Amino acid sequence: MRKAAYMVVTTVVAGLVLSGCGGGDDTKADPKPSGATTAAGQKSPSSKPPAERTLIERAAGSWKSIVTADDNGLETLTIADGKVTAKGPKLDCTGPLKEGRKAGEEPPTLTLTCKGGDDGGRGVGTLKMKGDDKLAIGWAGPEGGYGGPVDSFRRVGG
């Protein structure tokens, strides 16, 4: 009889240990997350599938104009972390790329600030992409005007 009682107590204790019961606080987070959780938490936006990336994320990289730039044109464009650097024969410009008023429904916009103050008649630009390797910016032009140029680029780097 004594042996049977010992076996019952041993079985109950083993069951409690294996089930995790025993006074531990189940609300605490695991101090060492599993490899899958860590990897998922550290994914960069560019590692998202293309359908899940925003237009600003997809536009990140280096771009080259598809036309030979005139004096007021842009030859290169670099987009990183929502910031744009644009250069041309006489232009050296920077500016923020911002989500449209209705993010996801309206394209991002860009306003360049150029050294010397001349932006080549651009004003505010609206960014559009075709695939992941073609980008165009349609510019509003100077205030009171009829619109500005359209700059078209092809991707040259990620």
C-alpha atoms as a PDB file:
ATOM      1  CA  MET A   1       0.000   0.000   0.000  1.00  0.00           C
ATOM      2  CA  ARG A   2       2.824   2.326   0.847  1.00  0.00           C
ATOM      3  CA  LYS A   3       4.399   1.716  -2.566  1.00  0.00           C
ATOM      4  CA  ALA A   4       1.101   2.547  -4.336  1.00  0.00           C
ATOM      5  CA  ALA A   5       0.783   5.865  -2.457  1.00  0.00           C
ATOM      6  CA  TYR A   6       4.385   6.728  -3.335  1.00  0.00           C
ATOM      7  CA  MET A   7       3.681   6.023  -7.035  1.00  0.00           C
ATOM      8  CA  VAL A   8       0.558   8.254  -6.978  1.00  0.00           C
ATOM      9  CA  VAL A   9       2.445  11.162  -5.371  1.00  0.00           C
ATOM     10  CA  THR A  10       5.356  10.734  -7.830  1.00  0.00           C
ATOM     11  CA  THR A  11       2.944  10.696 -10.773  1.00  0.00           C
ATOM     12  CA  VAL A  12       1.127  13.849  -9.566  1.00  0.00           C
ATOM     13  CA  VAL A  13       4.416  15.713  -8.981  1.00  0.00           C
ATOM     14  CA  ALA A  14       5.740  14.662 -12.385  1.00  0.00           C
ATOM     15  CA  GLY A  15       2.479  15.784 -13.998  1.00  0.00           C
ATOM     16  CA  LEU A  16       2.692  19.195 -12.321  1.00  0.00           C
ATOM     17  CA  VAL A  17       6.302  19.691 -13.386  1.00  0.00           C
ATOM     18  CA  LEU A  18       5.652  18.637 -16.965  1.00  0.00           C
ATOM     19  CA  SER A  19       2.517  20.792 -17.306  1.00  0.00           C
ATOM     20  CA  GLY A  20       4.309  23.894 -16.084  1.00  0.00           C
ATOM     21  CA  CYS A  21       2.270  24.257 -12.924  1.00  0.00           C
ATOM     22  CA  GLY A  22       4.134  24.954  -9.768  1.00  0.00           C
ATOM     23  CA  GLY A  23       3.724  28.613  -8.937  1.00  0.00           C
ATOM     24  CA  GLY A  24       5.409  30.043 -12.025  1.00  0.00           C
ATOM     25  CA  ASP A  25       4.033  33.273 -13.531  1.00  0.00           C
ATOM     26  CA  ASP A  26       2.711  32.463 -17.003  1.00  0.00           C
ATOM     27  CA  THR A  27       2.284  36.160 -17.871  1.00  0.00           C
ATOM     28  CA  LYS A  28       6.024  36.811 -18.142  1.00  0.00           C
ATOM     29  CA  ALA A  29       7.499  36.854 -21.637  1.00  0.00           C
ATOM     30  CA  ASP A  30      10.069  34.265 -22.585  1.00  0.00           C
ATOM     31  CA  PRO A  31      13.418  36.023 -22.045  1.00  0.00           C
ATOM     32  CA  LYS A  32      14.943  34.250 -25.052  1.00  0.00           C
ATOM     33  CA  PRO A  33      12.540  34.365 -28.023  1.00  0.00           C
ATOM     34  CA  SER A  34      12.669  31.547 -30.508  1.00  0.00           C
ATOM     35  CA  GLY A  35      14.702  32.004 -33.698  1.00  0.00           C
ATOM     36  CA  ALA A  36      11.531  32.280 -35.809  1.00  0.00           C
ATOM     37  CA  THR A  37      10.170  35.108 -33.667  1.00  0.00           C
ATOM     38  CA  THR A  38      13.486  36.948 -33.682  1.00  0.00           C
ATOM     39  CA  ALA A  39      13.891  36.658 -37.447  1.00  0.00           C
ATOM     40  CA  ALA A  40      10.319  37.829 -38.093  1.00  0.00           C
ATOM     41  CA  GLY A  41      10.748  40.817 -35.774  1.00  0.00           C
ATOM     42  CA  GLN A  42      13.941  41.907 -37.525  1.00  0.00           C
ATOM     43  CA  LYS A  43      12.695  41.840 -41.124  1.00  0.00           C
ATOM     44  CA  SER A  44      13.418  45.050 -42.965  1.00  0.00           C
ATOM     45  CA  PRO A  45      10.664  46.718 -45.020  1.00  0.00           C
ATOM     46  CA  SER A  46      12.443  45.723 -48.215  1.00  0.00           C
ATOM     47  CA  SER A  47      12.147  42.046 -47.285  1.00  0.00           C
ATOM     48  CA  LYS A  48       8.349  42.286 -47.376  1.00  0.00           C
ATOM     49  CA  PRO A  49       6.633  40.818 -50.423  1.00  0.00           C
ATOM     50  CA  PRO A  50       6.182  43.522 -53.121  1.00  0.00           C
ATOM     51  CA  ALA A  51       2.404  43.585 -52.610  1.00  0.00           C
ATOM     52  CA  GLU A  52       2.860  44.566 -48.942  1.00  0.00           C
ATOM     53  CA  ARG A  53       5.442  47.329 -49.501  1.00  0.00           C
ATOM     54  CA  THR A  54       4.373  50.960 -49.734  1.00  0.00           C
ATOM     55  CA  LEU A  55       5.181  52.999 -52.810  1.00  0.00           C
ATOM     56  CA  ILE A  56       7.822  54.896 -50.815  1.00  0.00           C
ATOM     57  CA  GLU A  57       9.468  51.597 -49.786  1.00  0.00           C
ATOM     58  CA  ARG A  58       9.372  50.330 -53.377  1.00  0.00           C
ATOM     59  CA  ALA A  59      10.884  53.592 -54.669  1.00  0.00           C
ATOM     60  CA  ALA A  60      13.921  53.387 -52.381  1.00  0.00           C
ATOM     61  CA  GLY A  61      17.155  53.150 -54.362  1.00  0.00           C
ATOM     62  CA  SER A  62      19.093  54.889 -57.109  1.00  0.00           C
ATOM     63  CA  TRP A  63      17.505  56.089 -60.353  1.00  0.00           C
ATOM     64  CA  LYS A  64      18.819  57.490 -63.649  1.00  0.00           C
ATOM     65  CA  SER A  65      16.833  59.668 -66.041  1.00  0.00           C
ATOM     66  CA  ILE A  66      15.711  58.002 -69.280  1.00  0.00           C
ATOM     67  CA  VAL A  67      16.348  61.243 -71.194  1.00  0.00           C
ATOM     68  CA  THR A  68      19.436  63.406 -71.506  1.00  0.00           C
ATOM     69  CA  ALA A  69      18.884  66.226 -69.060  1.00  0.00           C
ATOM     70  CA  ASP A  70      18.955  69.828 -70.209  1.00  0.00           C
ATOM     71  CA  ASP A  71      20.315  72.508 -67.868  1.00  0.00           C
ATOM     72  CA  ASN A  72      17.099  72.484 -65.773  1.00  0.00           C
ATOM     73  CA  GLY A  73      16.657  68.714 -65.877  1.00  0.00           C
ATOM     74  CA  LEU A  74      17.400  65.954 -63.415  1.00  0.00           C
ATOM     75  CA  GLU A  75      19.887  63.206 -64.254  1.00  0.00           C
ATOM     76  CA  THR A  76      19.880  61.143 -61.063  1.00  0.00           C
ATOM     77  CA  LEU A  77      17.567  60.541 -58.151  1.00  0.00           C
ATOM     78  CA  THR A  78      18.312  58.718 -54.907  1.00  0.00           C
ATOM     79  CA  ILE A  79      15.571  57.771 -52.446  1.00  0.00           C
ATOM     80  CA  ALA A  80      16.418  56.470 -48.977  1.00  0.00           C
ATOM     81  CA  ASP A  81      14.294  56.491 -45.810  1.00  0.00           C
ATOM     82  CA  GLY A  82      11.765  58.873 -47.388  1.00  0.00           C
ATOM     83  CA  LYS A  83      14.439  61.418 -48.319  1.00  0.00           C
ATOM     84  CA  VAL A  84      15.249  62.329 -51.914  1.00  0.00           C
ATOM     85  CA  THR A  85      18.452  63.659 -53.450  1.00  0.00           C
ATOM     86  CA  ALA A  86      18.164  64.819 -57.085  1.00  0.00           C
ATOM     87  CA  LYS A  87      20.961  66.097 -59.293  1.00  0.00           C
ATOM     88  CA  GLY A  88      21.192  67.502 -62.783  1.00  0.00           C
ATOM     89  CA  PRO A  89      23.605  69.647 -64.829  1.00  0.00           C
ATOM     90  CA  LYS A  90      22.701  72.772 -62.834  1.00  0.00           C
ATOM     91  CA  LEU A  91      20.475  71.326 -60.095  1.00  0.00           C
ATOM     92  CA  ASP A  92      21.450  69.923 -56.706  1.00  0.00           C
ATOM     93  CA  CYS A  93      18.273  69.299 -54.727  1.00  0.00           C
ATOM     94  CA  THR A  94      16.908  67.457 -51.695  1.00  0.00           C
ATOM     95  CA  GLY A  95      13.454  66.961 -50.238  1.00  0.00           C
ATOM     96  CA  PRO A  96      11.166  64.676 -48.289  1.00  0.00           C
ATOM     97  CA  LEU A  97       8.961  62.084 -49.964  1.00  0.00           C
ATOM     98  CA  LYS A  98       5.661  62.077 -48.063  1.00  0.00           C
ATOM     99  CA  GLU A  99       2.618  59.813 -48.174  1.00  0.00           C
ATOM    100  CA  GLY A 100      -0.353  61.290 -50.047  1.00  0.00           C
ATOM    101  CA  ARG A 101      -3.158  62.869 -48.031  1.00  0.00           C
ATOM    102  CA  LYS A 102      -4.963  59.521 -48.041  1.00  0.00           C
ATOM    103  CA  ALA A 103      -2.086  57.081 -47.571  1.00  0.00           C
ATOM    104  CA  GLY A 104      -2.435  54.098 -49.872  1.00  0.00           C
ATOM    105  CA  GLU A 105      -5.039  55.847 -52.037  1.00  0.00           C
ATOM    106  CA  GLU A 106      -3.073  58.879 -53.207  1.00  0.00           C
ATOM    107  CA  PRO A 107       0.506  58.768 -54.505  1.00  0.00           C
ATOM    108  CA  PRO A 108       3.369  60.175 -52.430  1.00  0.00           C
ATOM    109  CA  THR A 109       4.409  63.783 -53.010  1.00  0.00           C
ATOM    110  CA  LEU A 110       7.788  65.488 -53.133  1.00  0.00           C
ATOM    111  CA  THR A 111       8.885  69.109 -52.836  1.00  0.00           C
ATOM    112  CA  LEU A 112      12.516  69.758 -53.729  1.00  0.00           C
ATOM    113  CA  THR A 113      14.707  72.424 -52.184  1.00  0.00           C
ATOM    114  CA  CYS A 114      17.593  73.201 -54.503  1.00  0.00           C
ATOM    115  CA  LYS A 115      20.872  74.995 -53.951  1.00  0.00           C
ATOM    116  CA  GLY A 116      20.563  78.431 -55.495  1.00  0.00           C
ATOM    117  CA  GLY A 117      16.756  78.349 -55.054  1.00  0.00           C
ATOM    118  CA  ASP A 118      15.866  77.279 -58.639  1.00  0.00           C
ATOM    119  CA  ASP A 119      14.050  73.932 -58.894  1.00  0.00           C
ATOM    120  CA  GLY A 120      13.825  73.980 -62.686  1.00  0.00           C
ATOM    121  CA  GLY A 121      10.118  74.907 -62.678  1.00  0.00           C
ATOM    122  CA  ARG A 122       9.023  71.858 -60.730  1.00  0.00           C
ATOM    123  CA  GLY A 123       7.056  72.840 -57.604  1.00  0.00           C
ATOM    124  CA  VAL A 124       5.352  69.865 -55.935  1.00  0.00           C
ATOM    125  CA  GLY A 125       5.767  66.468 -57.578  1.00  0.00           C
ATOM    126  CA  THR A 126       3.631  63.331 -57.492  1.00  0.00           C
ATOM    127  CA  LEU A 127       5.484  60.027 -57.620  1.00  0.00           C
ATOM    128  CA  LYS A 128       4.250  57.091 -59.719  1.00  0.00           C
ATOM    129  CA  MET A 129       5.837  53.721 -60.455  1.00  0.00           C
ATOM    130  CA  LYS A 130       5.361  51.040 -63.062  1.00  0.00           C
ATOM    131  CA  GLY A 131       6.680  47.773 -61.725  1.00  0.00           C
ATOM    132  CA  ASP A 132       9.701  48.145 -59.495  1.00  0.00           C
ATOM    133  CA  ASP A 133      12.093  49.505 -62.130  1.00  0.00           C
ATOM    134  CA  LYS A 134      10.302  52.538 -63.645  1.00  0.00           C
ATOM    135  CA  LEU A 135       9.538  55.733 -61.775  1.00  0.00           C
ATOM    136  CA  ALA A 136       8.016  59.035 -62.890  1.00  0.00           C
ATOM    137  CA  ILE A 137       7.442  62.319 -61.109  1.00  0.00           C
ATOM    138  CA  GLY A 138       4.760  64.605 -62.486  1.00  0.00           C
ATOM    139  CA  TRP A 139       5.425  68.156 -61.320  1.00  0.00           C
ATOM    140  CA  ALA A 140       2.752  70.789 -60.607  1.00  0.00           C
ATOM    141  CA  GLY A 141       5.004  73.565 -61.927  1.00  0.00           C
ATOM    142  CA  PRO A 142       5.219  77.107 -60.642  1.00  0.00           C
ATOM    143  CA  GLU A 143       2.149  78.612 -58.977  1.00  0.00           C
ATOM    144  CA  GLY A 144      -0.256  80.073 -61.497  1.00  0.00           C
ATOM    145  CA  GLY A 145       1.258  78.007 -64.303  1.00  0.00           C
ATOM    146  CA  TYR A 146      -0.139  75.185 -66.382  1.00  0.00           C
ATOM    147  CA  GLY A 147       1.961  72.394 -64.926  1.00  0.00           C
ATOM    148  CA  GLY A 148       5.559  71.430 -64.877  1.00  0.00           C
ATOM    149  CA  PRO A 149       7.838  68.821 -66.398  1.00  0.00           C
ATOM    150  CA  VAL A 150       7.596  65.064 -65.979  1.00  0.00           C
ATOM    151  CA  ASP A 151      10.819  63.361 -64.961  1.00  0.00           C
ATOM    152  CA  SER A 152      11.111  59.652 -65.832  1.00  0.00           C
ATOM    153  CA  PHE A 153      13.712  57.295 -64.383  1.00  0.00           C
ATOM    154  CA  ARG A 154      14.920  53.688 -64.490  1.00  0.00           C
ATOM    155  CA  ARG A 155      16.329  51.920 -61.459  1.00  0.00           C
ATOM    156  CA  VAL A 156      20.130  51.588 -61.367  1.00  0.00           C
ATOM    157  CA  GLY A 157      20.541  50.228 -57.835  1.00  0.00           C
ATOM    158  CA  GLY A 158      18.677  48.979 -54.787  1.00  0.00           C
END
